[in-house]
Amino acid sequence: MKLQMHSIRFDADRKLTGFIQKKVDKLETFYDRIIDGEVFLRLDKDQNNRENKIIEIKLNLPKYQLFAKERAKSFEVATDAAVESLRRQLKKRKDKVMER
């Protein structure tokens, strides 16, 4: 799946982008009609807050769009939570399509 990665206020390394790509690619096993996606990685300005890593993932489906936003101590943990949220959304979407 084609993903556009945007890192805001920092430069994401290849290891992180590869990890995110691998996790999001697994979503295609649940729903194979995903067109593409966008990922936004942000660092929150509040340095006192330990959970200052924010990830937003937007997936484009035919006539539909899914979105998940998570905040955690690391981008890896936030990615896992966001992908799990998207997996649940995809499952609901697929069930609705199958009912028709």
PDB file of N, CA and C in Angstrom:
ATOM      1  N   MET A   1       0.842  -1.167   0.000  1.00  0.00           N
ATOM      2  CA  MET A   1       0.000   0.000   0.000  1.00  0.00           C
ATOM      3  C   MET A   1       0.892   1.236   0.000  1.00  0.00           C
ATOM      4  N   LYS A   2       0.449   2.241  -0.729  1.00  0.00           N
ATOM      5  CA  LYS A   2       1.218   3.478  -0.813  1.00  0.00           C
ATOM      6  C   LYS A   2       0.884   4.372   0.381  1.00  0.00           C
ATOM      7  N   LEU A   3       1.886   4.713   1.158  1.00  0.00           N
ATOM      8  CA  LEU A   3       1.720   5.587   2.319  1.00  0.00           C
ATOM      9  C   LEU A   3       2.575   6.827   2.149  1.00  0.00           C
ATOM     10  N   GLN A   4       1.997   7.971   2.435  1.00  0.00           N
ATOM     11  CA  GLN A   4       2.768   9.209   2.475  1.00  0.00           C
ATOM     12  C   GLN A   4       3.079   9.500   3.932  1.00  0.00           C
ATOM     13  N   MET A   5       4.354   9.659   4.244  1.00  0.00           N
ATOM     14  CA  MET A   5       4.783   9.926   5.619  1.00  0.00           C
ATOM     15  C   MET A   5       5.156  11.401   5.754  1.00  0.00           C
ATOM     16  N   HIS A   6       4.624  12.037   6.788  1.00  0.00           N
ATOM     17  CA  HIS A   6       4.928  13.428   7.087  1.00  0.00           C
ATOM     18  C   HIS A   6       5.390  13.502   8.543  1.00  0.00           C
ATOM     19  N   SER A   7       6.622  13.925   8.755  1.00  0.00           N
ATOM     20  CA  SER A   7       7.099  14.113  10.121  1.00  0.00           C
ATOM     21  C   SER A   7       7.225  15.614  10.373  1.00  0.00           C
ATOM     22  N   ILE A   8       6.581  16.067  11.418  1.00  0.00           N
ATOM     23  CA  ILE A   8       6.487  17.491  11.698  1.00  0.00           C
ATOM     24  C   ILE A   8       7.364  17.819  12.910  1.00  0.00           C
ATOM     25  N   ARG A   9       8.228  18.805  12.755  1.00  0.00           N
ATOM     26  CA  ARG A   9       9.178  19.281  13.767  1.00  0.00           C
ATOM     27  C   ARG A   9      10.352  18.338  14.016  1.00  0.00           C
ATOM     28  N   PHE A  10      10.530  17.341  13.170  1.00  0.00           N
ATOM     29  CA  PHE A  10      11.686  16.447  13.288  1.00  0.00           C
ATOM     30  C   PHE A  10      11.802  15.636  12.000  1.00  0.00           C
ATOM     31  N   ASP A  11      12.900  14.923  11.852  1.00  0.00           N
ATOM     32  CA  ASP A  11      13.103  14.038  10.709  1.00  0.00           C
ATOM     33  C   ASP A  11      13.001  12.600  11.186  1.00  0.00           C
ATOM     34  N   ALA A  12      12.065  11.860  10.615  1.00  0.00           N
ATOM     35  CA  ALA A  12      11.884  10.452  10.981  1.00  0.00           C
ATOM     36  C   ALA A  12      12.943   9.610  10.274  1.00  0.00           C
ATOM     37  N   ASP A  13      13.524   8.664  10.999  1.00  0.00           N
ATOM     38  CA  ASP A  13      14.527   7.801  10.388  1.00  0.00           C
ATOM     39  C   ASP A  13      13.852   6.652   9.628  1.00  0.00           C
ATOM     40  N   ARG A  14      14.633   5.959   8.831  1.00  0.00           N
ATOM     41  CA  ARG A  14      14.108   4.874   7.993  1.00  0.00           C
ATOM     42  C   ARG A  14      13.557   3.723   8.822  1.00  0.00           C
ATOM     43  N   LYS A  15      14.161   3.477   9.962  1.00  0.00           N
ATOM     44  CA  LYS A  15      13.712   2.385  10.817  1.00  0.00           C
ATOM     45  C   LYS A  15      12.268   2.628  11.283  1.00  0.00           C
ATOM     46  N   LEU A  16      11.973   3.853  11.693  1.00  0.00           N
ATOM     47  CA  LEU A  16      10.625   4.199  12.143  1.00  0.00           C
ATOM     48  C   LEU A  16       9.629   4.140  10.986  1.00  0.00           C
ATOM     49  N   THR A  17       9.979   4.713   9.852  1.00  0.00           N
ATOM     50  CA  THR A  17       9.053   4.691   8.712  1.00  0.00           C
ATOM     51  C   THR A  17       8.837   3.269   8.206  1.00  0.00           C
ATOM     52  N   GLY A  18       9.858   2.452   8.248  1.00  0.00           N
ATOM     53  CA  GLY A  18       9.712   1.048   7.863  1.00  0.00           C
ATOM     54  C   GLY A  18       8.803   0.290   8.816  1.00  0.00           C
ATOM     55  N   PHE A  19       8.935   0.567  10.101  1.00  0.00           N
ATOM     56  CA  PHE A  19       8.079  -0.064  11.109  1.00  0.00           C
ATOM     57  C   PHE A  19       6.613   0.299  10.869  1.00  0.00           C
ATOM     58  N   ILE A  20       6.349   1.582  10.636  1.00  0.00           N
ATOM     59  CA  ILE A  20       4.978   2.046  10.403  1.00  0.00           C
ATOM     60  C   ILE A  20       4.421   1.429   9.125  1.00  0.00           C
ATOM     61  N   GLN A  21       5.215   1.415   8.060  1.00  0.00           N
ATOM     62  CA  GLN A  21       4.770   0.838   6.790  1.00  0.00           C
ATOM     63  C   GLN A  21       4.406  -0.633   6.962  1.00  0.00           C
ATOM     64  N   LYS A  22       5.236  -1.363   7.688  1.00  0.00           N
ATOM     65  CA  LYS A  22       4.995  -2.795   7.909  1.00  0.00           C
ATOM     66  C   LYS A  22       3.697  -3.021   8.680  1.00  0.00           C
ATOM     67  N   LYS A  23       3.469  -2.228   9.730  1.00  0.00           N
ATOM     68  CA  LYS A  23       2.252  -2.375  10.541  1.00  0.00           C
ATOM     69  C   LYS A  23       0.998  -2.037   9.736  1.00  0.00           C
ATOM     70  N   VAL A  24       1.052  -0.961   8.965  1.00  0.00           N
ATOM     71  CA  VAL A  24      -0.119  -0.537   8.196  1.00  0.00           C
ATOM     72  C   VAL A  24      -0.383  -1.510   7.044  1.00  0.00           C
ATOM     73  N   ASP A  25       0.657  -2.071   6.469  1.00  0.00           N
ATOM     74  CA  ASP A  25       0.478  -3.055   5.387  1.00  0.00           C
ATOM     75  C   ASP A  25      -0.291  -4.281   5.863  1.00  0.00           C
ATOM     76  N   LYS A  26      -0.162  -4.625   7.134  1.00  0.00           N
ATOM     77  CA  LYS A  26      -0.889  -5.781   7.667  1.00  0.00           C
ATOM     78  C   LYS A  26      -2.400  -5.565   7.652  1.00  0.00           C
ATOM     79  N   LEU A  27      -2.835  -4.311   7.605  1.00  0.00           N
ATOM     80  CA  LEU A  27      -4.268  -4.027   7.567  1.00  0.00           C
ATOM     81  C   LEU A  27      -4.920  -4.536   6.280  1.00  0.00           C
ATOM     82  N   GLU A  28      -4.131  -4.698   5.233  1.00  0.00           N
ATOM     83  CA  GLU A  28      -4.679  -5.191   3.963  1.00  0.00           C
ATOM     84  C   GLU A  28      -5.155  -6.633   4.073  1.00  0.00           C
ATOM     85  N   THR A  29      -4.723  -7.353   5.085  1.00  0.00           N
ATOM     86  CA  THR A  29      -5.223  -8.716   5.262  1.00  0.00           C
ATOM     87  C   THR A  29      -6.676  -8.705   5.744  1.00  0.00           C
ATOM     88  N   PHE A  30      -7.101  -7.609   6.370  1.00  0.00           N
ATOM     89  CA  PHE A  30      -8.478  -7.502   6.858  1.00  0.00           C
ATOM     90  C   PHE A  30      -9.415  -6.914   5.804  1.00  0.00           C
ATOM     91  N   TYR A  31      -8.898  -6.035   4.962  1.00  0.00           N
ATOM     92  CA  TYR A  31      -9.721  -5.392   3.940  1.00  0.00           C
ATOM     93  C   TYR A  31      -8.800  -5.036   2.784  1.00  0.00           C
ATOM     94  N   ASP A  32      -8.986  -5.667   1.638  1.00  0.00           N
ATOM     95  CA  ASP A  32      -8.030  -5.537   0.533  1.00  0.00           C
ATOM     96  C   ASP A  32      -8.318  -4.379  -0.411  1.00  0.00           C
ATOM     97  N   ARG A  33      -9.327  -3.560  -0.140  1.00  0.00           N
ATOM     98  CA  ARG A  33      -9.675  -2.467  -1.048  1.00  0.00           C
ATOM     99  C   ARG A  33      -9.138  -1.119  -0.580  1.00  0.00           C
ATOM    100  N   ILE A  34      -8.117  -1.109   0.255  1.00  0.00           N
ATOM    101  CA  ILE A  34      -7.515   0.144   0.715  1.00  0.00           C
ATOM    102  C   ILE A  34      -6.744   0.759  -0.451  1.00  0.00           C
ATOM    103  N   ILE A  35      -7.035   2.028  -0.741  1.00  0.00           N
ATOM    104  CA  ILE A  35      -6.402   2.702  -1.871  1.00  0.00           C
ATOM    105  C   ILE A  35      -5.010   3.214  -1.495  1.00  0.00           C
ATOM    106  N   ASP A  36      -4.944   4.065  -0.479  1.00  0.00           N
ATOM    107  CA  ASP A  36      -3.677   4.619  -0.019  1.00  0.00           C
ATOM    108  C   ASP A  36      -3.868   5.198   1.373  1.00  0.00           C
ATOM    109  N   GLY A  37      -2.819   5.825   1.885  1.00  0.00           N
ATOM    110  CA  GLY A  37      -2.915   6.376   3.231  1.00  0.00           C
ATOM    111  C   GLY A  37      -1.915   7.493   3.463  1.00  0.00           C
ATOM    112  N   GLU A  38      -2.142   8.217   4.547  1.00  0.00           N
ATOM    113  CA  GLU A  38      -1.248   9.284   4.970  1.00  0.00           C
ATOM    114  C   GLU A  38      -0.958   9.119   6.447  1.00  0.00           C
ATOM    115  N   VAL A  39       0.285   9.367   6.815  1.00  0.00           N
ATOM    116  CA  VAL A  39       0.696   9.264   8.217  1.00  0.00           C
ATOM    117  C   VAL A  39       1.354  10.580   8.615  1.00  0.00           C
ATOM    118  N   PHE A  40       0.890  11.134   9.731  1.00  0.00           N
ATOM    119  CA  PHE A  40       1.478  12.347  10.281  1.00  0.00           C
ATOM    120  C   PHE A  40       2.101  12.009  11.626  1.00  0.00           C
ATOM    121  N   LEU A  41       3.385  12.318  11.770  1.00  0.00           N
ATOM    122  CA  LEU A  41       4.113  12.110  13.022  1.00  0.00           C
ATOM    123  C   LEU A  41       4.425  13.480  13.605  1.00  0.00           C
ATOM    124  N   ARG A  42       4.023  13.688  14.861  1.00  0.00           N
ATOM    125  CA  ARG A  42       4.221  14.987  15.498  1.00  0.00           C
ATOM    126  C   ARG A  42       4.876  14.823  16.869  1.00  0.00           C
ATOM    127  N   LEU A  43       5.676  15.806  17.214  1.00  0.00           N
ATOM    128  CA  LEU A  43       6.208  15.914  18.567  1.00  0.00           C
ATOM    129  C   LEU A  43       5.469  17.061  19.237  1.00  0.00           C
ATOM    130  N   ASP A  44       4.857  16.787  20.377  1.00  0.00           N
ATOM    131  CA  ASP A  44       4.150  17.816  21.130  1.00  0.00           C
ATOM    132  C   ASP A  44       5.177  18.736  21.787  1.00  0.00           C
ATOM    133  N   LYS A  45       4.869  20.007  21.885  1.00  0.00           N
ATOM    134  CA  LYS A  45       5.799  20.982  22.460  1.00  0.00           C
ATOM    135  C   LYS A  45       6.025  20.782  23.948  1.00  0.00           C
ATOM    136  N   ASP A  46       5.040  20.248  24.638  1.00  0.00           N
ATOM    137  CA  ASP A  46       5.121  20.088  26.090  1.00  0.00           C
ATOM    138  C   ASP A  46       6.123  18.989  26.446  1.00  0.00           C
ATOM    139  N   GLN A  47       7.324  19.378  26.817  1.00  0.00           N
ATOM    140  CA  GLN A  47       8.380  18.410  27.133  1.00  0.00           C
ATOM    141  C   GLN A  47       8.162  17.758  28.494  1.00  0.00           C
ATOM    142  N   ASN A  48       7.381  18.378  29.387  1.00  0.00           N
ATOM    143  CA  ASN A  48       7.118  17.803  30.702  1.00  0.00           C
ATOM    144  C   ASN A  48       6.205  16.593  30.601  1.00  0.00           C
ATOM    145  N   ASN A  49       5.334  16.593  29.612  1.00  0.00           N
ATOM    146  CA  ASN A  49       4.434  15.461  29.396  1.00  0.00           C
ATOM    147  C   ASN A  49       5.219  14.340  28.729  1.00  0.00           C
ATOM    148  N   ARG A  50       5.247  13.163  29.349  1.00  0.00           N
ATOM    149  CA  ARG A  50       6.040  12.059  28.804  1.00  0.00           C
ATOM    150  C   ARG A  50       5.423  11.486  27.542  1.00  0.00           C
ATOM    151  N   GLU A  51       4.120  11.629  27.387  1.00  0.00           N
ATOM    152  CA  GLU A  51       3.462  11.117  26.184  1.00  0.00           C
ATOM    153  C   GLU A  51       3.360  12.245  25.160  1.00  0.00           C
ATOM    154  N   ASN A  52       4.506  12.597  24.570  1.00  0.00           N
ATOM    155  CA  ASN A  52       4.521  13.721  23.640  1.00  0.00           C
ATOM    156  C   ASN A  52       4.663  13.307  22.175  1.00  0.00           C
ATOM    157  N   LYS A  53       4.526  12.015  21.867  1.00  0.00           N
ATOM    158  CA  LYS A  53       4.598  11.533  20.489  1.00  0.00           C
ATOM    159  C   LYS A  53       3.175  11.287  19.980  1.00  0.00           C
ATOM    160  N   ILE A  54       2.823  11.915  18.868  1.00  0.00           N
ATOM    161  CA  ILE A  54       1.474  11.804  18.317  1.00  0.00           C
ATOM    162  C   ILE A  54       1.561  11.251  16.897  1.00  0.00           C
ATOM    163  N   ILE A  55       0.732  10.260  16.603  1.00  0.00           N
ATOM    164  CA  ILE A  55       0.642   9.724  15.248  1.00  0.00           C
ATOM    165  C   ILE A  55      -0.805   9.809  14.788  1.00  0.00           C
ATOM    166  N   GLU A  56      -0.980  10.224  13.542  1.00  0.00           N
ATOM    167  CA  GLU A  56      -2.296  10.276  12.917  1.00  0.00           C
ATOM    168  C   GLU A  56      -2.204   9.481  11.625  1.00  0.00           C
ATOM    169  N   ILE A  57      -3.113   8.540  11.446  1.00  0.00           N
ATOM    170  CA  ILE A  57      -3.131   7.717  10.234  1.00  0.00           C
ATOM    171  C   ILE A  57      -4.486   7.878   9.567  1.00  0.00           C
ATOM    172  N   LYS A  58      -4.464   8.193   8.277  1.00  0.00           N
ATOM    173  CA  LYS A  58      -5.684   8.341   7.491  1.00  0.00           C
ATOM    174  C   LYS A  58      -5.612   7.347   6.330  1.00  0.00           C
ATOM    175  N   LEU A  59      -6.632   6.505   6.204  1.00  0.00           N
ATOM    176  CA  LEU A  59      -6.697   5.531   5.120  1.00  0.00           C
ATOM    177  C   LEU A  59      -7.849   5.882   4.191  1.00  0.00           C
ATOM    178  N   ASN A  60      -7.599   5.805   2.903  1.00  0.00           N
ATOM    179  CA  ASN A  60      -8.621   6.068   1.905  1.00  0.00           C
ATOM    180  C   ASN A  60      -9.135   4.760   1.327  1.00  0.00           C
ATOM    181  N   LEU A  61     -10.452   4.586   1.424  1.00  0.00           N
ATOM    182  CA  LEU A  61     -11.150   3.446   0.847  1.00  0.00           C
ATOM    183  C   LEU A  61     -12.066   3.989  -0.243  1.00  0.00           C
ATOM    184  N   PRO A  62     -12.593   3.127  -1.094  1.00  0.00           N
ATOM    185  CA  PRO A  62     -13.562   3.622  -2.078  1.00  0.00           C
ATOM    186  C   PRO A  62     -14.768   4.255  -1.368  1.00  0.00           C
ATOM    187  N   LYS A  63     -15.017   5.524  -1.628  1.00  0.00           N
ATOM    188  CA  LYS A  63     -16.136   6.289  -1.081  1.00  0.00           C
ATOM    189  C   LYS A  63     -16.116   6.406   0.443  1.00  0.00           C
ATOM    190  N   TYR A  64     -14.978   6.198   1.070  1.00  0.00           N
ATOM    191  CA  TYR A  64     -14.937   6.191   2.525  1.00  0.00           C
ATOM    192  C   TYR A  64     -13.531   6.528   2.999  1.00  0.00           C
ATOM    193  N   GLN A  65     -13.426   7.032   4.223  1.00  0.00           N
ATOM    194  CA  GLN A  65     -12.123   7.379   4.785  1.00  0.00           C
ATOM    195  C   GLN A  65     -12.095   7.001   6.264  1.00  0.00           C
ATOM    196  N   LEU A  66     -10.988   6.396   6.695  1.00  0.00           N
ATOM    197  CA  LEU A  66     -10.813   6.014   8.097  1.00  0.00           C
ATOM    198  C   LEU A  66      -9.698   6.859   8.696  1.00  0.00           C
ATOM    199  N   PHE A  67      -9.814   7.134  10.001  1.00  0.00           N
ATOM    200  CA  PHE A  67      -8.831   7.983  10.667  1.00  0.00           C
ATOM    201  C   PHE A  67      -8.597   7.487  12.088  1.00  0.00           C
ATOM    202  N   ALA A  68      -7.334   7.519  12.511  1.00  0.00           N
ATOM    203  CA  ALA A  68      -6.989   7.177  13.890  1.00  0.00           C
ATOM    204  C   ALA A  68      -5.875   8.113  14.352  1.00  0.00           C
ATOM    205  N   LYS A  69      -6.000   8.577  15.596  1.00  0.00           N
ATOM    206  CA  LYS A  69      -4.999   9.455  16.196  1.00  0.00           C
ATOM    207  C   LYS A  69      -4.673   8.914  17.570  1.00  0.00           C
ATOM    208  N   GLU A  70      -3.387   8.742  17.841  1.00  0.00           N
ATOM    209  CA  GLU A  70      -2.953   8.202  19.136  1.00  0.00           C
ATOM    210  C   GLU A  70      -1.761   8.991  19.656  1.00  0.00           C
ATOM    211  N   ARG A  71      -1.635   9.006  20.988  1.00  0.00           N
ATOM    212  CA  ARG A  71      -0.546   9.696  21.679  1.00  0.00           C
ATOM    213  C   ARG A  71       0.079   8.699  22.647  1.00  0.00           C
ATOM    214  N   ALA A  72       1.420   8.652  22.679  1.00  0.00           N
ATOM    215  CA  ALA A  72       2.106   7.705  23.566  1.00  0.00           C
ATOM    216  C   ALA A  72       3.523   8.200  23.861  1.00  0.00           C
ATOM    217  N   LYS A  73       4.246   7.377  24.634  1.00  0.00           N
ATOM    218  CA  LYS A  73       5.627   7.707  24.991  1.00  0.00           C
ATOM    219  C   LYS A  73       6.571   7.532  23.803  1.00  0.00           C
ATOM    220  N   SER A  74       6.224   6.609  22.887  1.00  0.00           N
ATOM    221  CA  SER A  74       7.051   6.386  21.701  1.00  0.00           C
ATOM    222  C   SER A  74       6.154   6.241  20.483  1.00  0.00           C
ATOM    223  N   PHE A  75       6.735   6.474  19.330  1.00  0.00           N
ATOM    224  CA  PHE A  75       5.963   6.344  18.099  1.00  0.00           C
ATOM    225  C   PHE A  75       5.560   4.897  17.841  1.00  0.00           C
ATOM    226  N   GLU A  76       6.366   3.956  18.287  1.00  0.00           N
ATOM    227  CA  GLU A  76       6.046   2.547  18.073  1.00  0.00           C
ATOM    228  C   GLU A  76       4.780   2.149  18.836  1.00  0.00           C
ATOM    229  N   VAL A  77       4.678   2.574  20.095  1.00  0.00           N
ATOM    230  CA  VAL A  77       3.501   2.260  20.905  1.00  0.00           C
ATOM    231  C   VAL A  77       2.266   2.952  20.320  1.00  0.00           C
ATOM    232  N   ALA A  78       2.425   4.214  19.913  1.00  0.00           N
ATOM    233  CA  ALA A  78       1.306   4.951  19.315  1.00  0.00           C
ATOM    234  C   ALA A  78       0.869   4.305  18.006  1.00  0.00           C
ATOM    235  N   THR A  79       1.827   3.816  17.220  1.00  0.00           N
ATOM    236  CA  THR A  79       1.506   3.149  15.958  1.00  0.00           C
ATOM    237  C   THR A  79       0.693   1.886  16.213  1.00  0.00           C
ATOM    238  N   ASP A  80       1.117   1.082  17.180  1.00  0.00           N
ATOM    239  CA  ASP A  80       0.375  -0.147  17.499  1.00  0.00           C
ATOM    240  C   ASP A  80      -1.069   0.165  17.877  1.00  0.00           C
ATOM    241  N   ALA A  81      -1.273   1.195  18.694  1.00  0.00           N
ATOM    242  CA  ALA A  81      -2.627   1.553  19.124  1.00  0.00           C
ATOM    243  C   ALA A  81      -3.460   2.077  17.960  1.00  0.00           C
ATOM    244  N   ALA A  82      -2.861   2.901  17.110  1.00  0.00           N
ATOM    245  CA  ALA A  82      -3.592   3.463  15.966  1.00  0.00           C
ATOM    246  C   ALA A  82      -3.956   2.373  14.957  1.00  0.00           C
ATOM    247  N   VAL A  83      -3.033   1.451  14.704  1.00  0.00           N
ATOM    248  CA  VAL A  83      -3.310   0.361  13.762  1.00  0.00           C
ATOM    249  C   VAL A  83      -4.409  -0.547  14.308  1.00  0.00           C
ATOM    250  N   GLU A  84      -4.409  -0.783  15.608  1.00  0.00           N
ATOM    251  CA  GLU A  84      -5.469  -1.600  16.210  1.00  0.00           C
ATOM    252  C   GLU A  84      -6.826  -0.905  16.066  1.00  0.00           C
ATOM    253  N   SER A  85      -6.861   0.398  16.259  1.00  0.00           N
ATOM    254  CA  SER A  85      -8.093   1.158  16.078  1.00  0.00           C
ATOM    255  C   SER A  85      -8.575   1.078  14.633  1.00  0.00           C
ATOM    256  N   LEU A  86      -7.651   1.211  13.691  1.00  0.00           N
ATOM    257  CA  LEU A  86      -8.012   1.110  12.272  1.00  0.00           C
ATOM    258  C   LEU A  86      -8.472  -0.294  11.908  1.00  0.00           C
ATOM    259  N   ARG A  87      -7.881  -1.301  12.536  1.00  0.00           N
ATOM    260  CA  ARG A  87      -8.303  -2.679  12.271  1.00  0.00           C
ATOM    261  C   ARG A  87      -9.764  -2.868  12.669  1.00  0.00           C
ATOM    262  N   ARG A  88     -10.134  -2.348  13.830  1.00  0.00           N
ATOM    263  CA  ARG A  88     -11.531  -2.446  14.269  1.00  0.00           C
ATOM    264  C   ARG A  88     -12.464  -1.694  13.320  1.00  0.00           C
ATOM    265  N   GLN A  89     -12.042  -0.511  12.873  1.00  0.00           N
ATOM    266  CA  GLN A  89     -12.854   0.261  11.936  1.00  0.00           C
ATOM    267  C   GLN A  89     -13.021  -0.476  10.613  1.00  0.00           C
ATOM    268  N   LEU A  90     -11.932  -1.078  10.130  1.00  0.00           N
ATOM    269  CA  LEU A  90     -12.001  -1.835   8.877  1.00  0.00           C
ATOM    270  C   LEU A  90     -12.931  -3.031   9.001  1.00  0.00           C
ATOM    271  N   LYS A  91     -12.878  -3.696  10.138  1.00  0.00           N
ATOM    272  CA  LYS A  91     -13.739  -4.852  10.346  1.00  0.00           C
ATOM    273  C   LYS A  91     -15.214  -4.425  10.334  1.00  0.00           C
ATOM    274  N   LYS A  92     -15.536  -3.315  10.996  1.00  0.00           N
ATOM    275  CA  LYS A  92     -16.902  -2.798  10.979  1.00  0.00           C
ATOM    276  C   LYS A  92     -17.325  -2.449   9.557  1.00  0.00           C
ATOM    277  N   ARG A  93     -16.454  -1.795   8.835  1.00  0.00           N
ATOM    278  CA  ARG A  93     -16.757  -1.380   7.452  1.00  0.00           C
ATOM    279  C   ARG A  93     -17.000  -2.603   6.573  1.00  0.00           C
ATOM    280  N   LYS A  94     -16.148  -3.598   6.717  1.00  0.00           N
ATOM    281  CA  LYS A  94     -16.291  -4.810   5.912  1.00  0.00           C
ATOM    282  C   LYS A  94     -17.601  -5.529   6.255  1.00  0.00           C
ATOM    283  N   ASP A  95     -17.961  -5.585   7.525  1.00  0.00           N
ATOM    284  CA  ASP A  95     -19.217  -6.220   7.925  1.00  0.00           C
ATOM    285  C   ASP A  95     -20.408  -5.487   7.330  1.00  0.00           C
ATOM    286  N   LYS A  96     -20.373  -4.172   7.296  1.00  0.00           N
ATOM    287  CA  LYS A  96     -21.467  -3.402   6.707  1.00  0.00           C
ATOM    288  C   LYS A  96     -21.586  -3.668   5.207  1.00  0.00           C
ATOM    289  N   VAL A  97     -20.453  -3.752   4.533  1.00  0.00           N
ATOM    290  CA  VAL A  97     -20.465  -4.011   3.096  1.00  0.00           C
ATOM    291  C   VAL A  97     -20.988  -5.411   2.810  1.00  0.00           C
ATOM    292  N   MET A  98     -20.625  -6.370   3.654  1.00  0.00           N
ATOM    293  CA  MET A  98     -21.066  -7.749   3.435  1.00  0.00           C
ATOM    294  C   MET A  98     -22.570  -7.910   3.691  1.00  0.00           C
ATOM    295  N   GLU A  99     -23.156  -7.076   4.563  1.00  0.00           N
ATOM    296  CA  GLU A  99     -24.586  -7.159   4.847  1.00  0.00           C
ATOM    297  C   GLU A  99     -25.427  -6.769   3.627  1.00  0.00           C
ATOM    298  N   ARG A 100     -24.894  -5.915   2.796  1.00  0.00           N
ATOM    299  CA  ARG A 100     -25.636  -5.443   1.628  1.00  0.00           C
ATOM    300  C   ARG A 100     -25.678  -6.474   0.589  1.00  0.00           C
TER     301      ARG A 100
END
